Amino acid sequence: MSIPTQMSLVGFVASAPELHFTKAGAECCRMRVGVEQWRKEADGSFTKLEPTFHDMVAFESTARETYARFRNGDSFVASGYVHEYEVEGSVIKEEFVARKIGHNANKTDYVVQRGRHAADRPLAAVPQPPAVGL
């Protein structure tokens, strides 16, 4: 059995999340997001380029959590899919639909508050790299 995967987007919040409601009454959170761009140089180094900006949307519980937990500048990792739609009859636009979203652990300092049952379990030991010959 293969591992189920989804498309992901790694970026930062470029505009404050806005909470709206669909015609059916479901929560909908919209925001602009930025994606950092890098170019690999011939010498192996990387040059930071200007970020690209995109629309992102989330619905229902993901919309509520995104609106409550994210602020302008926050780094995130989201899984979902790209939705293309037509505006003004012939212009095709796209937005990333986030099914799940969380802060990017590589760029965000945070404290995890686990439920009461998780606190009863012992913490796993952090593996250490093997010692190199002295």
N, C-alpha and C. Protein backbone atom coordinates (compact mmCIF):
# COMPACT_ATOMS: atom_id res chain seq x y z
N MET A 1 0.85 -1.18 0.00
CA MET A 1 0.00 0.00 0.00
C MET A 1 0.89 1.24 0.00
N SER A 2 0.61 2.18 -0.87
CA SER A 2 1.43 3.38 -0.97
C SER A 2 1.05 4.39 0.12
N ILE A 3 1.99 5.27 0.41
CA ILE A 3 1.77 6.32 1.42
C ILE A 3 0.89 7.39 0.79
N PRO A 4 -0.23 7.75 1.45
CA PRO A 4 -1.08 8.82 0.89
C PRO A 4 -0.40 10.18 1.08
N THR A 5 -0.32 10.94 0.01
CA THR A 5 0.32 12.26 0.08
C THR A 5 -0.62 13.31 -0.49
N GLN A 6 -0.32 14.57 -0.19
CA GLN A 6 -1.05 15.71 -0.73
C GLN A 6 -0.05 16.77 -1.13
N MET A 7 -0.49 17.68 -1.98
CA MET A 7 0.31 18.83 -2.36
C MET A 7 0.50 19.69 -1.11
N SER A 8 1.64 20.35 -1.01
CA SER A 8 1.87 21.24 0.13
C SER A 8 2.38 22.59 -0.34
N LEU A 9 2.25 23.57 0.54
CA LEU A 9 2.73 24.92 0.28
C LEU A 9 3.42 25.40 1.54
N VAL A 10 4.65 25.90 1.39
CA VAL A 10 5.41 26.44 2.51
C VAL A 10 5.59 27.92 2.23
N GLY A 11 5.21 28.75 3.19
CA GLY A 11 5.30 30.19 2.94
C GLY A 11 5.11 31.00 4.20
N PHE A 12 4.72 32.26 4.01
CA PHE A 12 4.46 33.16 5.14
C PHE A 12 3.19 33.95 4.86
N VAL A 13 2.52 34.33 5.93
CA VAL A 13 1.29 35.11 5.82
C VAL A 13 1.67 36.53 5.41
N ALA A 14 1.13 36.98 4.26
CA ALA A 14 1.46 38.31 3.74
C ALA A 14 0.36 39.33 4.01
N SER A 15 -0.84 38.89 4.35
CA SER A 15 -1.92 39.80 4.72
C SER A 15 -2.71 39.15 5.84
N ALA A 16 -3.27 39.95 6.70
CA ALA A 16 -4.03 39.41 7.83
C ALA A 16 -5.15 38.51 7.33
N PRO A 17 -5.32 37.33 7.94
CA PRO A 17 -6.42 36.44 7.54
C PRO A 17 -7.77 37.14 7.74
N GLU A 18 -8.68 36.95 6.79
CA GLU A 18 -10.02 37.51 6.87
C GLU A 18 -11.03 36.38 6.89
N LEU A 19 -11.93 36.41 7.86
CA LEU A 19 -12.95 35.37 7.98
C LEU A 19 -14.24 35.84 7.32
N HIS A 20 -14.74 35.04 6.40
CA HIS A 20 -15.99 35.31 5.69
C HIS A 20 -16.88 34.09 5.82
N PHE A 21 -18.06 34.16 5.25
CA PHE A 21 -18.97 33.03 5.25
C PHE A 21 -19.46 32.79 3.83
N THR A 22 -19.56 31.51 3.46
CA THR A 22 -20.08 31.17 2.14
C THR A 22 -21.58 31.39 2.12
N LYS A 23 -22.20 31.30 0.95
CA LYS A 23 -23.66 31.43 0.84
C LYS A 23 -24.38 30.38 1.67
N ALA A 24 -23.72 29.23 1.85
CA ALA A 24 -24.31 28.15 2.64
C ALA A 24 -24.05 28.33 4.14
N GLY A 25 -23.29 29.37 4.51
CA GLY A 25 -23.04 29.65 5.92
C GLY A 25 -21.77 29.05 6.48
N ALA A 26 -20.96 28.40 5.66
CA ALA A 26 -19.71 27.81 6.14
C ALA A 26 -18.63 28.88 6.27
N GLU A 27 -17.76 28.73 7.26
CA GLU A 27 -16.65 29.65 7.43
C GLU A 27 -15.66 29.52 6.28
N CYS A 28 -15.10 30.66 5.90
CA CYS A 28 -14.13 30.71 4.81
C CYS A 28 -13.08 31.75 5.20
N CYS A 29 -11.81 31.34 5.28
CA CYS A 29 -10.73 32.26 5.63
C CYS A 29 -9.87 32.48 4.39
N ARG A 30 -9.67 33.75 4.05
CA ARG A 30 -8.86 34.11 2.89
C ARG A 30 -7.68 34.96 3.34
N MET A 31 -6.55 34.77 2.65
CA MET A 31 -5.38 35.61 2.91
C MET A 31 -4.41 35.51 1.74
N ARG A 32 -3.53 36.49 1.66
CA ARG A 32 -2.44 36.46 0.70
C ARG A 32 -1.25 35.84 1.42
N VAL A 33 -0.52 35.02 0.69
CA VAL A 33 0.66 34.37 1.25
C VAL A 33 1.85 34.62 0.34
N GLY A 34 3.01 34.64 0.94
CA GLY A 34 4.24 34.79 0.18
C GLY A 34 5.03 33.50 0.21
N VAL A 35 5.75 33.24 -0.86
CA VAL A 35 6.61 32.06 -0.96
C VAL A 35 8.01 32.55 -1.30
N GLU A 36 8.97 32.21 -0.43
CA GLU A 36 10.35 32.62 -0.67
C GLU A 36 10.91 31.88 -1.88
N GLN A 37 11.71 32.57 -2.65
CA GLN A 37 12.31 32.01 -3.86
C GLN A 37 13.83 32.11 -3.75
N TRP A 38 14.51 31.07 -4.18
CA TRP A 38 15.97 31.02 -4.14
C TRP A 38 16.50 30.53 -5.47
N ARG A 39 17.68 31.01 -5.86
CA ARG A 39 18.34 30.54 -7.07
C ARG A 39 19.68 29.94 -6.68
N LYS A 40 19.93 28.71 -7.16
CA LYS A 40 21.21 28.07 -6.89
C LYS A 40 22.23 28.57 -7.91
N GLU A 41 23.37 29.02 -7.39
CA GLU A 41 24.42 29.57 -8.23
C GLU A 41 25.39 28.45 -8.64
N ALA A 42 26.22 28.73 -9.64
CA ALA A 42 27.18 27.74 -10.15
C ALA A 42 28.15 27.27 -9.08
N ASP A 43 28.47 28.16 -8.12
CA ASP A 43 29.42 27.78 -7.06
C ASP A 43 28.77 27.00 -5.93
N GLY A 44 27.46 26.72 -6.06
CA GLY A 44 26.75 25.96 -5.02
C GLY A 44 26.05 26.82 -3.99
N SER A 45 26.30 28.11 -3.99
CA SER A 45 25.63 29.01 -3.04
C SER A 45 24.22 29.32 -3.55
N PHE A 46 23.43 29.97 -2.71
CA PHE A 46 22.08 30.34 -3.07
C PHE A 46 21.89 31.84 -2.96
N THR A 47 21.16 32.40 -3.90
CA THR A 47 20.82 33.82 -3.89
C THR A 47 19.33 33.95 -3.64
N LYS A 48 18.97 34.75 -2.62
CA LYS A 48 17.56 34.96 -2.30
C LYS A 48 16.95 35.91 -3.32
N LEU A 49 15.82 35.52 -3.90
CA LEU A 49 15.09 36.33 -4.87
C LEU A 49 13.88 36.95 -4.21
N GLU A 50 13.17 37.77 -4.93
CA GLU A 50 11.93 38.35 -4.42
C GLU A 50 10.90 37.24 -4.25
N PRO A 51 10.10 37.29 -3.19
CA PRO A 51 9.08 36.25 -3.00
C PRO A 51 7.95 36.41 -4.03
N THR A 52 7.24 35.32 -4.26
CA THR A 52 6.03 35.38 -5.07
C THR A 52 4.84 35.41 -4.11
N PHE A 53 3.71 35.97 -4.55
CA PHE A 53 2.54 36.11 -3.69
C PHE A 53 1.35 35.42 -4.33
N HIS A 54 0.54 34.79 -3.48
CA HIS A 54 -0.57 33.96 -3.96
C HIS A 54 -1.75 34.09 -3.02
N ASP A 55 -2.92 33.67 -3.50
CA ASP A 55 -4.13 33.63 -2.67
C ASP A 55 -4.23 32.26 -2.01
N MET A 56 -4.66 32.26 -0.75
CA MET A 56 -4.90 31.00 -0.06
C MET A 56 -6.26 31.10 0.63
N VAL A 57 -6.97 29.98 0.64
CA VAL A 57 -8.29 29.92 1.26
C VAL A 57 -8.39 28.64 2.06
N ALA A 58 -9.16 28.69 3.14
CA ALA A 58 -9.45 27.51 3.96
C ALA A 58 -10.92 27.56 4.33
N PHE A 59 -11.52 26.41 4.58
CA PHE A 59 -12.94 26.34 4.90
C PHE A 59 -13.18 25.64 6.23
N GLU A 60 -14.31 25.95 6.82
CA GLU A 60 -14.83 25.32 8.03
C GLU A 60 -13.82 25.31 9.17
N SER A 61 -13.51 24.14 9.76
CA SER A 61 -12.64 24.13 10.95
C SER A 61 -11.24 24.66 10.63
N THR A 62 -10.72 24.37 9.45
CA THR A 62 -9.40 24.90 9.08
C THR A 62 -9.46 26.42 8.97
N ALA A 63 -10.57 26.96 8.48
CA ALA A 63 -10.74 28.41 8.39
C ALA A 63 -10.76 29.03 9.79
N ARG A 64 -11.51 28.43 10.71
CA ARG A 64 -11.59 28.96 12.07
C ARG A 64 -10.22 28.97 12.75
N GLU A 65 -9.49 27.87 12.62
CA GLU A 65 -8.18 27.77 13.27
C GLU A 65 -7.17 28.71 12.62
N THR A 66 -7.21 28.82 11.31
CA THR A 66 -6.30 29.73 10.61
C THR A 66 -6.55 31.16 11.05
N TYR A 67 -7.80 31.56 11.09
CA TYR A 67 -8.15 32.93 11.49
C TYR A 67 -7.72 33.20 12.94
N ALA A 68 -7.90 32.22 13.81
CA ALA A 68 -7.59 32.41 15.23
C ALA A 68 -6.10 32.38 15.52
N ARG A 69 -5.32 31.61 14.77
CA ARG A 69 -3.94 31.34 15.16
C ARG A 69 -2.86 32.03 14.32
N PHE A 70 -3.22 32.54 13.15
CA PHE A 70 -2.19 33.09 12.27
C PHE A 70 -2.27 34.60 12.17
N ARG A 71 -1.09 35.22 12.08
CA ARG A 71 -0.96 36.66 11.96
C ARG A 71 -0.02 36.97 10.80
N ASN A 72 -0.05 38.22 10.36
CA ASN A 72 0.83 38.68 9.29
C ASN A 72 2.28 38.36 9.65
N GLY A 73 3.01 37.72 8.73
CA GLY A 73 4.41 37.39 8.93
C GLY A 73 4.65 35.97 9.43
N ASP A 74 3.64 35.27 9.93
CA ASP A 74 3.82 33.91 10.42
C ASP A 74 4.23 32.97 9.28
N SER A 75 5.17 32.07 9.57
CA SER A 75 5.57 31.04 8.61
C SER A 75 4.67 29.82 8.80
N PHE A 76 4.31 29.18 7.69
CA PHE A 76 3.38 28.05 7.76
C PHE A 76 3.77 26.95 6.79
N VAL A 77 3.19 25.78 7.03
CA VAL A 77 3.21 24.66 6.11
C VAL A 77 1.76 24.24 5.97
N ALA A 78 1.26 24.17 4.75
CA ALA A 78 -0.14 23.80 4.52
C ALA A 78 -0.21 22.67 3.51
N SER A 79 -1.18 21.78 3.70
CA SER A 79 -1.42 20.75 2.69
C SER A 79 -2.80 20.99 2.12
N GLY A 80 -2.95 20.66 0.85
CA GLY A 80 -4.22 20.90 0.17
C GLY A 80 -4.07 20.73 -1.32
N TYR A 81 -4.63 21.68 -2.08
CA TYR A 81 -4.59 21.58 -3.54
C TYR A 81 -4.76 22.96 -4.16
N VAL A 82 -4.41 23.07 -5.43
CA VAL A 82 -4.58 24.32 -6.18
C VAL A 82 -5.93 24.28 -6.88
N HIS A 83 -6.70 25.33 -6.70
CA HIS A 83 -8.01 25.47 -7.35
C HIS A 83 -7.92 26.58 -8.39
N GLU A 84 -8.22 26.23 -9.62
CA GLU A 84 -8.27 27.24 -10.70
C GLU A 84 -9.71 27.64 -10.93
N TYR A 85 -9.93 28.94 -11.17
CA TYR A 85 -11.27 29.42 -11.44
C TYR A 85 -11.21 30.56 -12.44
N GLU A 86 -12.34 30.81 -13.07
CA GLU A 86 -12.41 31.81 -14.13
C GLU A 86 -13.10 33.07 -13.60
N VAL A 87 -12.54 34.22 -13.93
CA VAL A 87 -13.15 35.50 -13.58
C VAL A 87 -13.30 36.34 -14.85
N GLU A 88 -14.28 37.16 -14.88
CA GLU A 88 -14.52 38.07 -16.02
C GLU A 88 -14.56 37.34 -17.35
N GLY A 89 -15.08 36.12 -17.32
CA GLY A 89 -15.31 35.39 -18.55
C GLY A 89 -14.16 34.63 -19.14
N SER A 90 -12.91 35.13 -18.99
CA SER A 90 -11.82 34.44 -19.66
C SER A 90 -10.50 34.43 -18.88
N VAL A 91 -10.43 35.15 -17.77
CA VAL A 91 -9.21 35.22 -16.99
C VAL A 91 -9.19 34.05 -15.99
N ILE A 92 -8.14 33.25 -16.05
CA ILE A 92 -8.00 32.12 -15.13
C ILE A 92 -7.13 32.55 -13.96
N LYS A 93 -7.64 32.37 -12.75
CA LYS A 93 -6.88 32.66 -11.53
C LYS A 93 -6.74 31.36 -10.76
N GLU A 94 -5.84 31.37 -9.80
CA GLU A 94 -5.68 30.19 -8.96
C GLU A 94 -5.51 30.60 -7.51
N GLU A 95 -5.88 29.67 -6.62
CA GLU A 95 -5.72 29.86 -5.19
C GLU A 95 -5.35 28.51 -4.58
N PHE A 96 -4.61 28.54 -3.49
CA PHE A 96 -4.29 27.31 -2.79
C PHE A 96 -5.37 27.08 -1.75
N VAL A 97 -6.00 25.91 -1.77
CA VAL A 97 -7.02 25.55 -0.79
C VAL A 97 -6.34 24.71 0.28
N ALA A 98 -6.22 25.27 1.48
CA ALA A 98 -5.55 24.58 2.58
C ALA A 98 -6.55 23.68 3.30
N ARG A 99 -6.27 22.40 3.29
CA ARG A 99 -7.09 21.45 4.07
C ARG A 99 -6.57 21.37 5.50
N LYS A 100 -5.26 21.45 5.66
CA LYS A 100 -4.59 21.44 6.96
C LYS A 100 -3.51 22.50 6.92
N ILE A 101 -3.27 23.15 8.07
CA ILE A 101 -2.23 24.17 8.12
C ILE A 101 -1.65 24.22 9.52
N GLY A 102 -0.35 24.48 9.59
CA GLY A 102 0.32 24.62 10.88
C GLY A 102 1.50 25.56 10.73
N HIS A 103 1.98 26.04 11.87
CA HIS A 103 3.16 26.89 11.84
C HIS A 103 4.37 26.06 11.43
N ASN A 104 5.29 26.66 10.70
CA ASN A 104 6.49 25.99 10.24
C ASN A 104 7.46 25.85 11.42
N ALA A 105 7.68 24.62 11.87
CA ALA A 105 8.53 24.37 13.03
C ALA A 105 9.97 24.80 12.80
N ASN A 106 10.42 24.89 11.56
CA ASN A 106 11.78 25.32 11.27
C ASN A 106 11.98 26.83 11.47
N LYS A 107 10.89 27.58 11.50
CA LYS A 107 11.01 29.04 11.58
C LYS A 107 10.20 29.66 12.72
N THR A 108 9.52 28.84 13.52
CA THR A 108 8.61 29.35 14.54
C THR A 108 8.96 28.79 15.90
N ASP A 109 9.13 29.66 16.89
CA ASP A 109 9.29 29.22 18.28
C ASP A 109 7.89 29.07 18.88
N TYR A 110 7.63 27.94 19.52
CA TYR A 110 6.34 27.75 20.14
C TYR A 110 6.42 26.71 21.22
N VAL A 111 5.39 26.65 22.03
CA VAL A 111 5.27 25.68 23.10
C VAL A 111 4.07 24.81 22.78
N VAL A 112 4.25 23.50 22.87
CA VAL A 112 3.16 22.57 22.62
C VAL A 112 2.43 22.32 23.93
N GLN A 113 1.12 22.51 23.95
CA GLN A 113 0.31 22.19 25.11
C GLN A 113 -0.46 20.92 24.79
N ARG A 114 0.00 19.82 25.37
CA ARG A 114 -0.61 18.53 25.10
C ARG A 114 -1.79 18.29 26.03
N GLY A 115 -2.68 17.43 25.58
CA GLY A 115 -3.82 17.05 26.42
C GLY A 115 -3.35 16.30 27.66
N ARG A 116 -4.25 16.13 28.59
CA ARG A 116 -3.92 15.52 29.87
C ARG A 116 -3.36 14.12 29.71
N HIS A 117 -3.86 13.33 28.77
CA HIS A 117 -3.37 11.96 28.59
C HIS A 117 -1.96 11.93 28.03
N ALA A 118 -1.62 12.87 27.18
CA ALA A 118 -0.27 12.91 26.62
C ALA A 118 0.75 13.22 27.71
N ALA A 119 0.35 13.99 28.71
CA ALA A 119 1.27 14.35 29.79
C ALA A 119 1.64 13.14 30.64
N ASP A 120 0.81 12.12 30.64
CA ASP A 120 1.08 10.91 31.43
C ASP A 120 2.14 10.03 30.79
N ARG A 121 2.40 10.23 29.50
CA ARG A 121 3.39 9.41 28.80
C ARG A 121 4.78 10.00 29.00
N PRO A 122 5.79 9.14 29.13
CA PRO A 122 7.16 9.67 29.24
C PRO A 122 7.61 10.24 27.90
N LEU A 123 8.43 11.26 27.97
CA LEU A 123 8.99 11.85 26.75
C LEU A 123 10.01 10.90 26.15
N ALA A 124 10.04 10.84 24.84
CA ALA A 124 11.04 10.02 24.15
C ALA A 124 12.39 10.68 24.27
N ALA A 125 13.41 9.88 24.43
CA ALA A 125 14.77 10.41 24.50
C ALA A 125 15.16 10.94 23.13
N VAL A 126 15.83 12.06 23.12
CA VAL A 126 16.30 12.64 21.86
C VAL A 126 17.58 11.92 21.46
N PRO A 127 17.61 11.30 20.28
CA PRO A 127 18.83 10.60 19.87
C PRO A 127 19.98 11.57 19.68
N GLN A 128 21.16 11.11 20.04
CA GLN A 128 22.37 11.93 19.90
C GLN A 128 23.19 11.39 18.73
N PRO A 129 23.91 12.25 18.03
CA PRO A 129 24.74 11.76 16.93
C PRO A 129 25.84 10.87 17.48
N PRO A 130 26.30 9.93 16.69
CA PRO A 130 27.37 9.05 17.16
C PRO A 130 28.65 9.85 17.40
N ALA A 131 29.40 9.41 18.37
CA ALA A 131 30.68 10.07 18.69
C ALA A 131 31.68 9.82 17.56
N VAL A 132 32.38 10.85 17.20
CA VAL A 132 33.41 10.75 16.15
C VAL A 132 34.73 10.44 16.85
N GLY A 133 35.51 9.58 16.25
CA GLY A 133 36.80 9.17 16.86
C GLY A 133 37.62 10.35 17.32
N LEU A 134 38.12 10.27 18.54
CA LEU A 134 38.92 11.36 19.12
C LEU A 134 40.35 11.20 18.84
